[in-house]
Amino acid sequence: MKLFILDDDTNTFEHVISVIQRCLNYPYTQALSIANIIHYSGKCLVKEDDDDGVILYLCKNMKKEGLNIKTEI
């Protein structure tokens, strides 16, 4: 299963970066790169895992933080 973050008009770069760092445990530079990809491309694949439970858990937590999230099988 794949986890994408989608661009929106409500979350700041700082908030998106912070959520990525906390939820995905990615370093600041990687979170910043992801935020830029989201901003310029509209979405970014941030995690892929064979364990759907992992993706659904991350999806739930990132949605709670206000991010626009999409999953794909």
N, C-alpha and C. Protein backbone atom coordinates (compact mmCIF):
# COMPACT_ATOMS: atom_id res chain seq x y z
N MET A 1 0.85 -1.18 0.00
CA MET A 1 0.00 0.00 0.00
C MET A 1 0.89 1.24 0.00
N LYS A 2 0.42 2.29 -0.65
CA LYS A 2 1.18 3.53 -0.77
C LYS A 2 0.47 4.66 -0.03
N LEU A 3 1.28 5.56 0.54
CA LEU A 3 0.77 6.72 1.26
C LEU A 3 1.28 7.99 0.58
N PHE A 4 0.35 8.84 0.18
CA PHE A 4 0.67 10.11 -0.47
C PHE A 4 0.21 11.27 0.40
N ILE A 5 0.97 12.35 0.37
CA ILE A 5 0.51 13.62 0.93
C ILE A 5 0.16 14.50 -0.26
N LEU A 6 -1.03 15.11 -0.21
CA LEU A 6 -1.51 15.97 -1.29
C LEU A 6 -1.40 17.43 -0.88
N ASP A 7 -1.22 18.28 -1.86
CA ASP A 7 -1.13 19.72 -1.63
C ASP A 7 -2.48 20.26 -1.19
N ASP A 8 -2.45 21.28 -0.38
CA ASP A 8 -3.67 21.98 0.02
C ASP A 8 -3.34 23.45 0.24
N ASP A 9 -4.37 24.23 0.48
CA ASP A 9 -4.19 25.67 0.67
C ASP A 9 -4.24 26.08 2.14
N THR A 10 -4.26 25.11 3.04
CA THR A 10 -4.43 25.46 4.45
C THR A 10 -3.17 25.25 5.30
N ASN A 11 -2.41 24.20 5.04
CA ASN A 11 -1.25 23.90 5.87
C ASN A 11 -0.01 24.66 5.41
N THR A 12 0.74 25.15 6.38
CA THR A 12 1.99 25.84 6.07
C THR A 12 3.10 24.82 5.80
N PHE A 13 4.16 25.29 5.14
CA PHE A 13 5.32 24.44 4.91
C PHE A 13 5.84 23.91 6.25
N GLU A 14 5.92 24.79 7.22
CA GLU A 14 6.46 24.41 8.52
C GLU A 14 5.65 23.30 9.17
N HIS A 15 4.32 23.40 9.06
CA HIS A 15 3.46 22.38 9.65
C HIS A 15 3.64 21.04 8.93
N VAL A 16 3.65 21.06 7.61
CA VAL A 16 3.81 19.83 6.83
C VAL A 16 5.15 19.18 7.17
N ILE A 17 6.20 19.96 7.23
CA ILE A 17 7.53 19.44 7.56
C ILE A 17 7.52 18.82 8.96
N SER A 18 6.92 19.50 9.91
CA SER A 18 6.86 19.02 11.28
C SER A 18 6.11 17.68 11.37
N VAL A 19 4.98 17.57 10.69
CA VAL A 19 4.19 16.33 10.72
C VAL A 19 4.99 15.20 10.08
N ILE A 20 5.64 15.46 8.97
CA ILE A 20 6.45 14.43 8.31
C ILE A 20 7.55 13.95 9.25
N GLN A 21 8.21 14.88 9.91
CA GLN A 21 9.28 14.50 10.83
C GLN A 21 8.74 13.65 11.99
N ARG A 22 7.63 14.07 12.58
CA ARG A 22 7.07 13.36 13.74
C ARG A 22 6.47 12.00 13.36
N CYS A 23 5.66 11.99 12.32
CA CYS A 23 4.93 10.77 11.97
C CYS A 23 5.77 9.75 11.22
N LEU A 24 6.63 10.23 10.34
CA LEU A 24 7.42 9.31 9.51
C LEU A 24 8.86 9.17 9.99
N ASN A 25 9.22 9.98 10.98
CA ASN A 25 10.58 9.94 11.53
C ASN A 25 11.64 10.22 10.46
N TYR A 26 11.33 11.14 9.55
CA TYR A 26 12.28 11.54 8.52
C TYR A 26 13.05 12.76 9.00
N PRO A 27 14.31 12.89 8.58
CA PRO A 27 15.08 14.07 8.98
C PRO A 27 14.53 15.34 8.31
N TYR A 28 14.92 16.49 8.86
CA TYR A 28 14.42 17.77 8.38
C TYR A 28 14.64 17.95 6.87
N THR A 29 15.84 17.62 6.38
CA THR A 29 16.14 17.85 4.95
C THR A 29 15.23 17.02 4.05
N GLN A 30 14.93 15.79 4.46
CA GLN A 30 14.04 14.95 3.67
C GLN A 30 12.61 15.48 3.74
N ALA A 31 12.17 15.91 4.91
CA ALA A 31 10.83 16.47 5.07
C ALA A 31 10.68 17.75 4.25
N LEU A 32 11.73 18.57 4.21
CA LEU A 32 11.70 19.79 3.41
C LEU A 32 11.60 19.46 1.92
N SER A 33 12.35 18.48 1.46
CA SER A 33 12.29 18.06 0.06
C SER A 33 10.89 17.57 -0.30
N ILE A 34 10.30 16.78 0.59
CA ILE A 34 8.94 16.26 0.37
C ILE A 34 7.95 17.42 0.30
N ALA A 35 8.06 18.38 1.21
CA ALA A 35 7.15 19.54 1.20
C ALA A 35 7.25 20.30 -0.11
N ASN A 36 8.46 20.44 -0.63
CA ASN A 36 8.63 21.12 -1.92
C ASN A 36 8.01 20.33 -3.07
N ILE A 37 8.19 19.03 -3.06
CA ILE A 37 7.57 18.19 -4.10
C ILE A 37 6.05 18.32 -4.04
N ILE A 38 5.50 18.27 -2.84
CA ILE A 38 4.05 18.41 -2.68
C ILE A 38 3.58 19.75 -3.23
N HIS A 39 4.30 20.80 -2.90
CA HIS A 39 3.93 22.15 -3.33
C HIS A 39 3.97 22.30 -4.85
N TYR A 40 5.02 21.79 -5.47
CA TYR A 40 5.20 22.01 -6.91
C TYR A 40 4.56 20.94 -7.79
N SER A 41 4.36 19.72 -7.24
CA SER A 41 3.80 18.63 -8.05
C SER A 41 2.36 18.27 -7.65
N GLY A 42 1.92 18.75 -6.51
CA GLY A 42 0.55 18.47 -6.07
C GLY A 42 0.44 17.28 -5.15
N LYS A 43 1.44 16.41 -5.16
CA LYS A 43 1.42 15.26 -4.25
C LYS A 43 2.81 14.64 -4.21
N CYS A 44 3.02 13.81 -3.19
CA CYS A 44 4.28 13.10 -3.06
C CYS A 44 4.05 11.77 -2.36
N LEU A 45 4.59 10.70 -2.94
CA LEU A 45 4.59 9.40 -2.29
C LEU A 45 5.58 9.46 -1.14
N VAL A 46 5.11 9.25 0.09
CA VAL A 46 5.98 9.38 1.25
C VAL A 46 6.29 8.05 1.94
N LYS A 47 5.49 7.02 1.65
CA LYS A 47 5.74 5.73 2.30
C LYS A 47 5.05 4.64 1.49
N GLU A 48 5.75 3.51 1.37
CA GLU A 48 5.17 2.33 0.74
C GLU A 48 5.53 1.14 1.62
N ASP A 49 4.52 0.29 1.90
CA ASP A 49 4.76 -0.83 2.80
C ASP A 49 3.80 -1.96 2.45
N ASP A 50 4.27 -3.20 2.54
CA ASP A 50 3.41 -4.36 2.30
C ASP A 50 2.41 -4.56 3.42
N ASP A 51 2.70 -4.01 4.59
CA ASP A 51 1.81 -4.11 5.74
C ASP A 51 0.81 -2.94 5.70
N ASP A 52 -0.40 -3.23 5.25
CA ASP A 52 -1.43 -2.18 5.13
C ASP A 52 -1.70 -1.50 6.47
N GLY A 53 -1.55 -2.23 7.56
CA GLY A 53 -1.79 -1.67 8.88
C GLY A 53 -0.87 -0.50 9.19
N VAL A 54 0.38 -0.61 8.75
CA VAL A 54 1.35 0.48 8.96
C VAL A 54 0.88 1.73 8.23
N ILE A 55 0.50 1.57 6.97
CA ILE A 55 0.07 2.73 6.16
C ILE A 55 -1.21 3.33 6.72
N LEU A 56 -2.15 2.49 7.10
CA LEU A 56 -3.42 3.01 7.64
C LEU A 56 -3.21 3.73 8.96
N TYR A 57 -2.29 3.24 9.79
CA TYR A 57 -1.96 3.91 11.05
C TYR A 57 -1.36 5.29 10.78
N LEU A 58 -0.40 5.35 9.85
CA LEU A 58 0.21 6.64 9.50
C LEU A 58 -0.83 7.59 8.90
N CYS A 59 -1.67 7.06 8.03
CA CYS A 59 -2.73 7.85 7.39
C CYS A 59 -3.62 8.49 8.45
N LYS A 60 -4.06 7.69 9.42
CA LYS A 60 -4.93 8.18 10.48
C LYS A 60 -4.26 9.30 11.28
N ASN A 61 -3.01 9.09 11.65
CA ASN A 61 -2.29 10.09 12.45
C ASN A 61 -2.01 11.37 11.67
N MET A 62 -1.67 11.24 10.41
CA MET A 62 -1.37 12.43 9.61
C MET A 62 -2.64 13.21 9.28
N LYS A 63 -3.75 12.51 9.11
CA LYS A 63 -5.03 13.19 8.91
C LYS A 63 -5.43 13.96 10.16
N LYS A 64 -5.16 13.37 11.34
CA LYS A 64 -5.45 14.06 12.60
C LYS A 64 -4.70 15.38 12.69
N GLU A 65 -3.53 15.43 12.07
CA GLU A 65 -2.71 16.64 12.06
C GLU A 65 -3.15 17.64 10.98
N GLY A 66 -4.17 17.25 10.21
CA GLY A 66 -4.74 18.17 9.22
C GLY A 66 -4.19 18.05 7.82
N LEU A 67 -3.32 17.07 7.58
CA LEU A 67 -2.78 16.91 6.23
C LEU A 67 -3.78 16.22 5.31
N ASN A 68 -3.67 16.52 4.04
CA ASN A 68 -4.51 15.92 3.00
C ASN A 68 -3.79 14.66 2.53
N ILE A 69 -4.33 13.50 2.89
CA ILE A 69 -3.66 12.23 2.68
C ILE A 69 -4.46 11.34 1.73
N LYS A 70 -3.75 10.55 0.94
CA LYS A 70 -4.40 9.58 0.04
C LYS A 70 -3.63 8.28 0.12
N THR A 71 -4.34 7.15 0.08
CA THR A 71 -3.70 5.85 0.02
C THR A 71 -4.07 5.17 -1.29
N GLU A 72 -3.18 4.30 -1.74
CA GLU A 72 -3.43 3.48 -2.93
C GLU A 72 -2.92 2.07 -2.65
N ILE A 73 -3.60 1.13 -3.25
CA ILE A 73 -3.16 -0.27 -3.12
C ILE A 73 -2.19 -0.59 -4.24
